[in-house]
Amino acid sequence: MLPFRNILFPVDYSEPCLAVVPYVQEMLRHYSAGLTLVHAYAPEFARWELALADPEFPEKVRVTEQQHLKEFAATTFPGQHVESIAELGEPGGIIDKVVQHQGTDLVMLATHGRGPLRRFLVGSVAAKVLHDVDTAVWTGDGSAFVGHVPRLPYKSILCAVDDTEEARVILKAAAAFASGHQASLSIIRIVEIPAATREIDFSPYKEEILSAADFKLRELKGEFGIDAPHAVIDAQIPEGIRQEAARTNADLIVTGRGHSQALFSTMWSRLYTIVRHSPCPVLSI
């Protein structure tokens, strides 16, 4: 939780990864945080014959990858003390392991914008991190970063909350983040009112449901002394958040983890869907 003291930045040298660097630099500067870079590399199958012929080959590869990562750190974060970790293996699992051993409070990475079928077949590192790690995660659609001017410093923060106890933590964190960055804060509470069926129709109760959610959010704001505009709307959560982020010109969305633990949740969690729809980065606490 805030303030962030130890930031983990997974590096794969891709365009989306490089486009996230200014955001990492800003977070490091603002919080005077420590930085760990992690690079997960896969074996080059065409070179397995070398590995069989030379028992020291895997270690040579590791040393080469480690040196490459250190050179990247020196070039990208000059003057910053950086810990660099290069390991052979699946990226999501390695990131999770480093988080557990390094005392990380924030992971920063971009998605690579793969389509649903591709994510189903090979998984998504960002989706796995969002599902598996316990710490805060800053992420966004890689296509929203590449070729675009970084939206820094943060000027407009959108906080998306639900009706669970998690809302208290998220609202306080968003308010603290906005205050610390001298940014404006807006709050969105989306109520997904079910569509009418032959058995039941909620539409006559829509205004009552929205009013109850609005009253609860006003109480929560009052409890924490938060003076920020808010909206309560009926929409599908990812699309509603996207629309509100566009309307408020948000530079960052702050929300909760709230992901399902059901089968396939790594690929299909609501949080990952929010990230993929968002026009700006998402910080999930």
C-alpha atoms as a PDB file:
ATOM      1  CA  MET A   1       0.000   0.000   0.000  1.00  0.00           C
ATOM      2  CA  LEU A   2       0.997   3.644  -0.284  1.00  0.00           C
ATOM      3  CA  PRO A   3       3.636   4.904  -0.202  1.00  0.00           C
ATOM      4  CA  PHE A   4       5.292   2.490  -2.612  1.00  0.00           C
ATOM      5  CA  ARG A   5       8.801   1.634  -1.433  1.00  0.00           C
ATOM      6  CA  ASN A   6       9.803  -1.316  -3.628  1.00  0.00           C
ATOM      7  CA  ILE A   7       8.814  -1.433  -7.300  1.00  0.00           C
ATOM      8  CA  LEU A   8       9.164  -4.464  -9.558  1.00  0.00           C
ATOM      9  CA  PHE A   9       9.410  -3.860 -13.303  1.00  0.00           C
ATOM     10  CA  PRO A  10       9.309  -6.990 -15.509  1.00  0.00           C
ATOM     11  CA  VAL A  11      11.406  -6.421 -18.642  1.00  0.00           C
ATOM     12  CA  ASP A  12      11.039  -8.180 -21.993  1.00  0.00           C
ATOM     13  CA  TYR A  13      12.573  -5.406 -24.155  1.00  0.00           C
ATOM     14  CA  SER A  14       9.374  -5.111 -26.231  1.00  0.00           C
ATOM     15  CA  GLU A  15       7.887  -1.802 -27.392  1.00  0.00           C
ATOM     16  CA  PRO A  16       5.095  -1.881 -24.758  1.00  0.00           C
ATOM     17  CA  CYS A  17       7.706  -2.555 -22.076  1.00  0.00           C
ATOM     18  CA  LEU A  18       9.882   0.365 -23.204  1.00  0.00           C
ATOM     19  CA  ALA A  19       6.827   2.636 -23.376  1.00  0.00           C
ATOM     20  CA  VAL A  20       6.129   1.977 -19.670  1.00  0.00           C
ATOM     21  CA  VAL A  21       9.606   3.189 -18.622  1.00  0.00           C
ATOM     22  CA  PRO A  22       8.611   6.879 -18.158  1.00  0.00           C
ATOM     23  CA  TYR A  23       5.801   5.807 -15.812  1.00  0.00           C
ATOM     24  CA  VAL A  24       8.230   3.688 -13.790  1.00  0.00           C
ATOM     25  CA  GLN A  25      10.689   6.587 -13.640  1.00  0.00           C
ATOM     26  CA  GLU A  26       7.932   8.903 -12.395  1.00  0.00           C
ATOM     27  CA  MET A  27       6.838   6.464  -9.683  1.00  0.00           C
ATOM     28  CA  LEU A  28      10.450   6.015  -8.552  1.00  0.00           C
ATOM     29  CA  ARG A  29      10.983   9.757  -8.401  1.00  0.00           C
ATOM     30  CA  HIS A  30       7.745  10.502  -6.574  1.00  0.00           C
ATOM     31  CA  TYR A  31       8.130   7.862  -3.873  1.00  0.00           C
ATOM     32  CA  SER A  32      11.951   7.641  -3.759  1.00  0.00           C
ATOM     33  CA  ALA A  33      11.368   3.915  -4.180  1.00  0.00           C
ATOM     34  CA  GLY A  34      13.758   1.048  -4.771  1.00  0.00           C
ATOM     35  CA  LEU A  35      13.658  -0.761  -8.104  1.00  0.00           C
ATOM     36  CA  THR A  36      14.025  -4.400  -9.130  1.00  0.00           C
ATOM     37  CA  LEU A  37      14.075  -5.481 -12.759  1.00  0.00           C
ATOM     38  CA  VAL A  38      13.176  -9.059 -13.625  1.00  0.00           C
ATOM     39  CA  HIS A  39      13.620 -10.736 -16.992  1.00  0.00           C
ATOM     40  CA  ALA A  40      12.261 -14.217 -17.663  1.00  0.00           C
ATOM     41  CA  TYR A  41      13.850 -15.873 -20.677  1.00  0.00           C
ATOM     42  CA  ALA A  42      13.000 -19.067 -22.515  1.00  0.00           C
ATOM     43  CA  PRO A  43      15.477 -21.640 -23.873  1.00  0.00           C
ATOM     44  CA  GLU A  44      16.322 -21.407 -27.553  1.00  0.00           C
ATOM     45  CA  PHE A  45      15.257 -24.851 -28.683  1.00  0.00           C
ATOM     46  CA  ALA A  46      17.398 -24.685 -31.801  1.00  0.00           C
ATOM     47  CA  ARG A  47      20.441 -24.549 -29.542  1.00  0.00           C
ATOM     48  CA  TRP A  48      19.586 -27.545 -27.348  1.00  0.00           C
ATOM     49  CA  GLU A  49      22.348 -29.533 -29.058  1.00  0.00           C
ATOM     50  CA  LEU A  50      24.842 -27.052 -27.633  1.00  0.00           C
ATOM     51  CA  ALA A  51      23.318 -27.500 -24.198  1.00  0.00           C
ATOM     52  CA  LEU A  52      23.687 -31.268 -24.451  1.00  0.00           C
ATOM     53  CA  ALA A  53      27.274 -30.964 -25.654  1.00  0.00           C
ATOM     54  CA  ASP A  54      28.269 -28.322 -23.106  1.00  0.00           C
ATOM     55  CA  PRO A  55      26.952 -28.769 -19.529  1.00  0.00           C
ATOM     56  CA  GLU A  56      27.921 -25.166 -18.796  1.00  0.00           C
ATOM     57  CA  PHE A  57      25.760 -23.804 -21.621  1.00  0.00           C
ATOM     58  CA  PRO A  58      22.688 -22.960 -19.446  1.00  0.00           C
ATOM     59  CA  GLU A  59      24.891 -20.981 -17.051  1.00  0.00           C
ATOM     60  CA  LYS A  60      26.514 -19.132 -19.943  1.00  0.00           C
ATOM     61  CA  VAL A  61      23.059 -18.156 -21.209  1.00  0.00           C
ATOM     62  CA  ARG A  62      22.039 -16.988 -17.739  1.00  0.00           C
ATOM     63  CA  VAL A  63      25.157 -14.814 -17.433  1.00  0.00           C
ATOM     64  CA  THR A  64      24.508 -13.316 -20.873  1.00  0.00           C
ATOM     65  CA  GLU A  65      20.880 -12.531 -20.019  1.00  0.00           C
ATOM     66  CA  GLN A  66      21.892 -11.065 -16.655  1.00  0.00           C
ATOM     67  CA  GLN A  67      24.476  -8.819 -18.293  1.00  0.00           C
ATOM     68  CA  HIS A  68      21.944  -7.653 -20.893  1.00  0.00           C
ATOM     69  CA  LEU A  69      19.500  -6.747 -18.132  1.00  0.00           C
ATOM     70  CA  LYS A  70      22.170  -4.843 -16.192  1.00  0.00           C
ATOM     71  CA  GLU A  71      23.077  -2.871 -19.301  1.00  0.00           C
ATOM     72  CA  PHE A  72      19.401  -2.068 -19.806  1.00  0.00           C
ATOM     73  CA  ALA A  73      19.167  -0.878 -16.182  1.00  0.00           C
ATOM     74  CA  ALA A  74      22.236   1.343 -16.493  1.00  0.00           C
ATOM     75  CA  THR A  75      20.956   2.935 -19.699  1.00  0.00           C
ATOM     76  CA  THR A  76      17.295   3.284 -18.742  1.00  0.00           C
ATOM     77  CA  PHE A  77      17.598   4.213 -15.056  1.00  0.00           C
ATOM     78  CA  PRO A  78      20.931   6.086 -14.809  1.00  0.00           C
ATOM     79  CA  GLY A  79      21.935   6.988 -11.277  1.00  0.00           C
ATOM     80  CA  GLN A  80      19.290   4.687  -9.789  1.00  0.00           C
ATOM     81  CA  HIS A  81      20.332   1.696  -7.693  1.00  0.00           C
ATOM     82  CA  VAL A  82      18.709  -1.226  -9.479  1.00  0.00           C
ATOM     83  CA  GLU A  83      18.576  -4.897  -8.607  1.00  0.00           C
ATOM     84  CA  SER A  84      18.497  -7.078 -11.723  1.00  0.00           C
ATOM     85  CA  ILE A  85      17.198 -10.645 -11.828  1.00  0.00           C
ATOM     86  CA  ALA A  86      17.283 -12.821 -14.968  1.00  0.00           C
ATOM     87  CA  GLU A  87      15.818 -16.317 -14.706  1.00  0.00           C
ATOM     88  CA  LEU A  88      14.894 -19.135 -17.045  1.00  0.00           C
ATOM     89  CA  GLY A  89      11.186 -19.928 -16.891  1.00  0.00           C
ATOM     90  CA  GLU A  90       7.586 -18.806 -17.304  1.00  0.00           C
ATOM     91  CA  PRO A  91       7.341 -15.015 -16.723  1.00  0.00           C
ATOM     92  CA  GLY A  92       4.205 -14.990 -14.558  1.00  0.00           C
ATOM     93  CA  GLY A  93       5.569 -17.594 -12.167  1.00  0.00           C
ATOM     94  CA  ILE A  94       8.942 -15.881 -11.894  1.00  0.00           C
ATOM     95  CA  ILE A  95       7.322 -12.496 -11.223  1.00  0.00           C
ATOM     96  CA  ASP A  96       5.170 -14.049  -8.487  1.00  0.00           C
ATOM     97  CA  LYS A  97       8.237 -15.654  -6.899  1.00  0.00           C
ATOM     98  CA  VAL A  98      10.202 -12.396  -6.932  1.00  0.00           C
ATOM     99  CA  VAL A  99       7.257 -10.498  -5.421  1.00  0.00           C
ATOM    100  CA  GLN A 100       7.110 -12.980  -2.545  1.00  0.00           C
ATOM    101  CA  HIS A 101      10.853 -12.828  -1.865  1.00  0.00           C
ATOM    102  CA  GLN A 102      11.580  -9.128  -2.479  1.00  0.00           C
ATOM    103  CA  GLY A 103       8.882  -7.470  -0.396  1.00  0.00           C
ATOM    104  CA  THR A 104       7.526  -5.756  -3.517  1.00  0.00           C
ATOM    105  CA  ASP A 105       4.682  -3.294  -3.029  1.00  0.00           C
ATOM    106  CA  LEU A 106       4.053  -2.460  -6.700  1.00  0.00           C
ATOM    107  CA  VAL A 107       4.440  -4.316  -9.994  1.00  0.00           C
ATOM    108  CA  MET A 108       4.424  -2.208 -13.168  1.00  0.00           C
ATOM    109  CA  LEU A 109       3.946  -3.786 -16.602  1.00  0.00           C
ATOM    110  CA  ALA A 110       2.009  -3.470 -19.853  1.00  0.00           C
ATOM    111  CA  THR A 111      -0.190  -6.018 -21.533  1.00  0.00           C
ATOM    112  CA  HIS A 112       0.756  -6.973 -25.071  1.00  0.00           C
ATOM    113  CA  GLY A 113      -2.774  -6.646 -26.430  1.00  0.00           C
ATOM    114  CA  ARG A 114      -3.231 -10.243 -27.517  1.00  0.00           C
ATOM    115  CA  GLY A 115      -6.703 -11.259 -28.660  1.00  0.00           C
ATOM    116  CA  PRO A 116      -8.993 -13.592 -26.669  1.00  0.00           C
ATOM    117  CA  LEU A 117      -8.003 -16.770 -28.545  1.00  0.00           C
ATOM    118  CA  ARG A 118      -4.310 -16.040 -28.184  1.00  0.00           C
ATOM    119  CA  ARG A 119      -4.767 -15.366 -24.450  1.00  0.00           C
ATOM    120  CA  PHE A 120      -6.685 -18.619 -24.072  1.00  0.00           C
ATOM    121  CA  LEU A 121      -3.987 -20.659 -25.813  1.00  0.00           C
ATOM    122  CA  VAL A 122      -0.846 -19.223 -24.256  1.00  0.00           C
ATOM    123  CA  GLY A 123      -2.142 -17.145 -21.372  1.00  0.00           C
ATOM    124  CA  SER A 124      -1.259 -13.555 -20.561  1.00  0.00           C
ATOM    125  CA  VAL A 125       1.547 -12.517 -18.259  1.00  0.00           C
ATOM    126  CA  ALA A 126      -0.417  -9.442 -17.156  1.00  0.00           C
ATOM    127  CA  ALA A 127      -3.562 -11.492 -16.509  1.00  0.00           C
ATOM    128  CA  LYS A 128      -1.582 -14.049 -14.501  1.00  0.00           C
ATOM    129  CA  VAL A 129       0.071 -11.308 -12.441  1.00  0.00           C
ATOM    130  CA  LEU A 130      -3.277  -9.612 -11.780  1.00  0.00           C
ATOM    131  CA  HIS A 131      -4.742 -12.922 -10.659  1.00  0.00           C
ATOM    132  CA  ASP A 132      -1.836 -14.383  -8.684  1.00  0.00           C
ATOM    133  CA  VAL A 133       0.158 -11.676  -6.928  1.00  0.00           C
ATOM    134  CA  ASP A 134      -0.980 -10.098  -3.675  1.00  0.00           C
ATOM    135  CA  THR A 135       0.640  -6.716  -4.189  1.00  0.00           C
ATOM    136  CA  ALA A 136      -0.585  -3.642  -6.085  1.00  0.00           C
ATOM    137  CA  VAL A 137      -0.305  -3.802  -9.876  1.00  0.00           C
ATOM    138  CA  TRP A 138      -0.015  -0.906 -12.322  1.00  0.00           C
ATOM    139  CA  THR A 139      -0.788  -1.985 -15.874  1.00  0.00           C
ATOM    140  CA  GLY A 140      -2.488  -1.047 -19.107  1.00  0.00           C
ATOM    141  CA  ASP A 141      -3.005  -2.045 -22.716  1.00  0.00           C
ATOM    142  CA  GLY A 142       0.387  -1.892 -24.434  1.00  0.00           C
ATOM    143  CA  SER A 143      -1.140  -0.364 -27.558  1.00  0.00           C
ATOM    144  CA  ALA A 144      -2.211   2.646 -25.475  1.00  0.00           C
ATOM    145  CA  PHE A 145       1.434   3.370 -24.591  1.00  0.00           C
ATOM    146  CA  VAL A 146       3.398   2.705 -27.777  1.00  0.00           C
ATOM    147  CA  GLY A 147       3.724   5.803 -29.925  1.00  0.00           C
ATOM    148  CA  HIS A 148       1.884   7.999 -27.433  1.00  0.00           C
ATOM    149  CA  VAL A 149       3.222  10.765 -25.208  1.00  0.00           C
ATOM    150  CA  PRO A 150       3.201   9.581 -21.562  1.00  0.00           C
ATOM    151  CA  ARG A 151       0.313  11.119 -19.641  1.00  0.00           C
ATOM    152  CA  LEU A 152       2.532  12.493 -16.901  1.00  0.00           C
ATOM    153  CA  PRO A 153       2.406  14.008 -14.409  1.00  0.00           C
ATOM    154  CA  TYR A 154      -0.920  12.550 -13.319  1.00  0.00           C
ATOM    155  CA  LYS A 155      -3.577  15.260 -13.363  1.00  0.00           C
ATOM    156  CA  SER A 156      -6.861  13.332 -13.223  1.00  0.00           C
ATOM    157  CA  ILE A 157      -7.497  10.164 -11.184  1.00  0.00           C
ATOM    158  CA  LEU A 158     -10.637   8.044 -11.486  1.00  0.00           C
ATOM    159  CA  CYS A 159     -11.476   5.738  -8.585  1.00  0.00           C
ATOM    160  CA  ALA A 160     -13.775   2.808  -9.432  1.00  0.00           C
ATOM    161  CA  VAL A 161     -15.410   1.157  -6.415  1.00  0.00           C
ATOM    162  CA  ASP A 162     -18.061  -1.485  -5.761  1.00  0.00           C
ATOM    163  CA  ASP A 163     -20.271  -2.210  -2.750  1.00  0.00           C
ATOM    164  CA  THR A 164     -17.843  -4.492  -0.905  1.00  0.00           C
ATOM    165  CA  GLU A 165     -15.620  -3.687   2.054  1.00  0.00           C
ATOM    166  CA  GLU A 166     -12.782  -3.390  -0.446  1.00  0.00           C
ATOM    167  CA  ALA A 167     -14.264  -0.035  -1.490  1.00  0.00           C
ATOM    168  CA  ARG A 168     -13.073   1.555   1.740  1.00  0.00           C
ATOM    169  CA  VAL A 169      -9.443   0.643   1.084  1.00  0.00           C
ATOM    170  CA  ILE A 170      -9.596   1.611  -2.590  1.00  0.00           C
ATOM    171  CA  LEU A 171     -11.215   4.984  -1.947  1.00  0.00           C
ATOM    172  CA  LYS A 172      -8.657   5.914   0.713  1.00  0.00           C
ATOM    173  CA  ALA A 173      -5.770   4.821  -1.537  1.00  0.00           C
ATOM    174  CA  ALA A 174      -7.113   6.752  -4.529  1.00  0.00           C
ATOM    175  CA  ALA A 175      -7.608   9.888  -2.440  1.00  0.00           C
ATOM    176  CA  ALA A 176      -4.071   9.616  -1.064  1.00  0.00           C
ATOM    177  CA  PHE A 177      -2.608   9.041  -4.525  1.00  0.00           C
ATOM    178  CA  ALA A 178      -4.487  11.992  -6.015  1.00  0.00           C
ATOM    179  CA  SER A 179      -3.520  14.264  -3.132  1.00  0.00           C
ATOM    180  CA  GLY A 180       0.124  13.217  -3.308  1.00  0.00           C
ATOM    181  CA  HIS A 181       0.248  13.962  -7.027  1.00  0.00           C
ATOM    182  CA  GLN A 182      -1.854  17.143  -6.763  1.00  0.00           C
ATOM    183  CA  ALA A 183      -4.331  15.586  -9.172  1.00  0.00           C
ATOM    184  CA  SER A 184      -8.105  15.855  -9.306  1.00  0.00           C
ATOM    185  CA  LEU A 185     -10.140  12.872  -8.119  1.00  0.00           C
ATOM    186  CA  SER A 186     -13.403  11.503  -9.500  1.00  0.00           C
ATOM    187  CA  ILE A 187     -15.283   8.441  -8.284  1.00  0.00           C
ATOM    188  CA  ILE A 188     -17.421   5.983 -10.221  1.00  0.00           C
ATOM    189  CA  ARG A 189     -19.753   3.343  -8.807  1.00  0.00           C
ATOM    190  CA  ILE A 190     -21.274   1.074 -11.423  1.00  0.00           C
ATOM    191  CA  VAL A 191     -24.377  -0.976 -10.683  1.00  0.00           C
ATOM    192  CA  GLU A 192     -25.006  -3.782 -13.147  1.00  0.00           C
ATOM    193  CA  ILE A 193     -28.798  -4.041 -13.058  1.00  0.00           C
ATOM    194  CA  PRO A 194     -29.817  -7.366 -14.642  1.00  0.00           C
ATOM    195  CA  ALA A 195     -31.752  -7.285 -17.890  1.00  0.00           C
ATOM    196  CA  ALA A 196     -35.437  -8.075 -17.667  1.00  0.00           C
ATOM    197  CA  THR A 197     -36.512 -11.696 -18.072  1.00  0.00           C
ATOM    198  CA  ARG A 198     -39.889 -13.418 -18.120  1.00  0.00           C
ATOM    199  CA  GLU A 199     -39.363 -14.312 -14.474  1.00  0.00           C
ATOM    200  CA  ILE A 200     -38.277 -10.923 -13.143  1.00  0.00           C
ATOM    201  CA  ASP A 201     -37.894  -7.323 -14.264  1.00  0.00           C
ATOM    202  CA  PHE A 202     -35.696  -4.998 -12.204  1.00  0.00           C
ATOM    203  CA  SER A 203     -36.407  -1.903 -14.296  1.00  0.00           C
ATOM    204  CA  PRO A 204     -39.187  -0.577 -11.981  1.00  0.00           C
ATOM    205  CA  TYR A 205     -36.633  -0.602  -9.162  1.00  0.00           C
ATOM    206  CA  LYS A 206     -33.728   0.911 -11.138  1.00  0.00           C
ATOM    207  CA  GLU A 207     -33.920   4.397  -9.653  1.00  0.00           C
ATOM    208  CA  GLU A 208     -34.284   2.974  -6.150  1.00  0.00           C
ATOM    209  CA  ILE A 209     -31.250   0.735  -6.620  1.00  0.00           C
ATOM    210  CA  LEU A 210     -29.130   3.564  -8.004  1.00  0.00           C
ATOM    211  CA  SER A 211     -30.248   5.920  -5.225  1.00  0.00           C
ATOM    212  CA  ALA A 212     -29.277   3.369  -2.560  1.00  0.00           C
ATOM    213  CA  ALA A 213     -25.827   2.971  -4.115  1.00  0.00           C
ATOM    214  CA  ASP A 214     -25.444   6.748  -4.330  1.00  0.00           C
ATOM    215  CA  PHE A 215     -26.416   7.171  -0.659  1.00  0.00           C
ATOM    216  CA  LYS A 216     -23.899   4.541   0.426  1.00  0.00           C
ATOM    217  CA  LEU A 217     -21.113   6.167  -1.590  1.00  0.00           C
ATOM    218  CA  ARG A 218     -21.921   9.602  -0.144  1.00  0.00           C
ATOM    219  CA  GLU A 219     -21.709   8.125   3.352  1.00  0.00           C
ATOM    220  CA  LEU A 220     -18.322   6.586   2.560  1.00  0.00           C
ATOM    221  CA  LYS A 221     -16.992   9.869   1.200  1.00  0.00           C
ATOM    222  CA  GLY A 222     -18.239  11.672   4.286  1.00  0.00           C
ATOM    223  CA  GLU A 223     -16.610   9.137   6.595  1.00  0.00           C
ATOM    224  CA  PHE A 224     -13.195   9.788   5.030  1.00  0.00           C
ATOM    225  CA  GLY A 225     -13.707  13.507   4.470  1.00  0.00           C
ATOM    226  CA  ILE A 226     -13.328  13.117   0.701  1.00  0.00           C
ATOM    227  CA  ASP A 227     -14.657  16.032  -1.344  1.00  0.00           C
ATOM    228  CA  ALA A 228     -14.696  14.685  -4.897  1.00  0.00           C
ATOM    229  CA  PRO A 229     -17.384  14.403  -7.571  1.00  0.00           C
ATOM    230  CA  HIS A 230     -18.892  10.977  -8.095  1.00  0.00           C
ATOM    231  CA  ALA A 231     -21.247   9.202 -10.451  1.00  0.00           C
ATOM    232  CA  VAL A 232     -23.434   6.125  -9.975  1.00  0.00           C
ATOM    233  CA  ILE A 233     -24.556   4.531 -13.228  1.00  0.00           C
ATOM    234  CA  ASP A 234     -26.158   1.389 -14.613  1.00  0.00           C
ATOM    235  CA  ALA A 235     -23.733  -0.215 -17.093  1.00  0.00           C
ATOM    236  CA  GLN A 236     -21.500  -3.170 -17.747  1.00  0.00           C
ATOM    237  CA  ILE A 237     -18.505  -2.593 -15.479  1.00  0.00           C
ATOM    238  CA  PRO A 238     -15.627  -2.500 -18.024  1.00  0.00           C
ATOM    239  CA  GLU A 239     -17.521  -0.333 -20.490  1.00  0.00           C
ATOM    240  CA  GLY A 240     -18.898   1.953 -17.785  1.00  0.00           C
ATOM    241  CA  ILE A 241     -15.432   2.563 -16.365  1.00  0.00           C
ATOM    242  CA  ARG A 242     -14.046   3.179 -19.859  1.00  0.00           C
ATOM    243  CA  GLN A 243     -16.723   5.762 -20.590  1.00  0.00           C
ATOM    244  CA  GLU A 244     -16.226   7.561 -17.277  1.00  0.00           C
ATOM    245  CA  ALA A 245     -12.437   7.578 -17.739  1.00  0.00           C
ATOM    246  CA  ALA A 246     -12.922   9.186 -21.149  1.00  0.00           C
ATOM    247  CA  ARG A 247     -15.439  11.691 -19.783  1.00  0.00           C
ATOM    248  CA  THR A 248     -13.154  12.799 -16.940  1.00  0.00           C
ATOM    249  CA  ASN A 249     -10.025  12.603 -19.114  1.00  0.00           C
ATOM    250  CA  ALA A 250      -8.472  10.314 -16.511  1.00  0.00           C
ATOM    251  CA  ASP A 251      -4.720   9.689 -16.564  1.00  0.00           C
ATOM    252  CA  LEU A 252      -5.051   6.747 -14.171  1.00  0.00           C
ATOM    253  CA  ILE A 253      -7.806   4.479 -12.876  1.00  0.00           C
ATOM    254  CA  VAL A 254      -7.525   3.197  -9.308  1.00  0.00           C
ATOM    255  CA  THR A 255      -9.600   0.139  -8.494  1.00  0.00           C
ATOM    256  CA  GLY A 256      -9.650  -3.067  -6.462  1.00  0.00           C
ATOM    257  CA  ARG A 257      -8.471  -6.556  -7.271  1.00  0.00           C
ATOM    258  CA  GLY A 258     -11.954  -8.119  -7.052  1.00  0.00           C
ATOM    259  CA  HIS A 259     -11.136 -10.910  -9.503  1.00  0.00           C
ATOM    260  CA  SER A 260     -12.857 -14.276  -9.537  1.00  0.00           C
ATOM    261  CA  GLN A 261     -11.108 -17.426  -8.393  1.00  0.00           C
ATOM    262  CA  ALA A 262     -13.205 -19.561 -10.739  1.00  0.00           C
ATOM    263  CA  LEU A 263     -11.926 -21.742 -13.562  1.00  0.00           C
ATOM    264  CA  PHE A 264     -10.169 -19.779 -16.333  1.00  0.00           C
ATOM    265  CA  SER A 265     -10.224 -16.642 -14.175  1.00  0.00           C
ATOM    266  CA  THR A 266      -6.610 -15.931 -15.176  1.00  0.00           C
ATOM    267  CA  MET A 267      -7.850 -15.124 -18.682  1.00  0.00           C
ATOM    268  CA  TRP A 268     -11.346 -13.873 -18.067  1.00  0.00           C
ATOM    269  CA  SER A 269     -11.297 -11.911 -14.819  1.00  0.00           C
ATOM    270  CA  ARG A 270     -13.227  -8.647 -14.776  1.00  0.00           C
ATOM    271  CA  LEU A 271     -10.108  -6.773 -13.776  1.00  0.00           C
ATOM    272  CA  TYR A 272      -8.227  -7.874 -16.858  1.00  0.00           C
ATOM    273  CA  THR A 273     -11.225  -6.881 -18.981  1.00  0.00           C
ATOM    274  CA  ILE A 274     -11.232  -3.449 -17.336  1.00  0.00           C
ATOM    275  CA  VAL A 275      -7.541  -3.070 -18.158  1.00  0.00           C
ATOM    276  CA  ARG A 276      -8.046  -4.105 -21.777  1.00  0.00           C
ATOM    277  CA  HIS A 277     -10.900  -1.583 -22.219  1.00  0.00           C
ATOM    278  CA  SER A 278      -9.285   1.277 -20.345  1.00  0.00           C
ATOM    279  CA  PRO A 279      -7.959   4.326 -22.243  1.00  0.00           C
ATOM    280  CA  CYS A 280      -5.364   4.870 -19.515  1.00  0.00           C
ATOM    281  CA  PRO A 281      -3.293   2.805 -17.045  1.00  0.00           C
ATOM    282  CA  VAL A 282      -5.014   0.976 -14.198  1.00  0.00           C
ATOM    283  CA  LEU A 283      -3.637   0.757 -10.669  1.00  0.00           C
ATOM    284  CA  SER A 284      -5.277  -2.142  -8.855  1.00  0.00           C
ATOM    285  CA  ILE A 285      -4.795  -2.198  -5.100  1.00  0.00           C
END
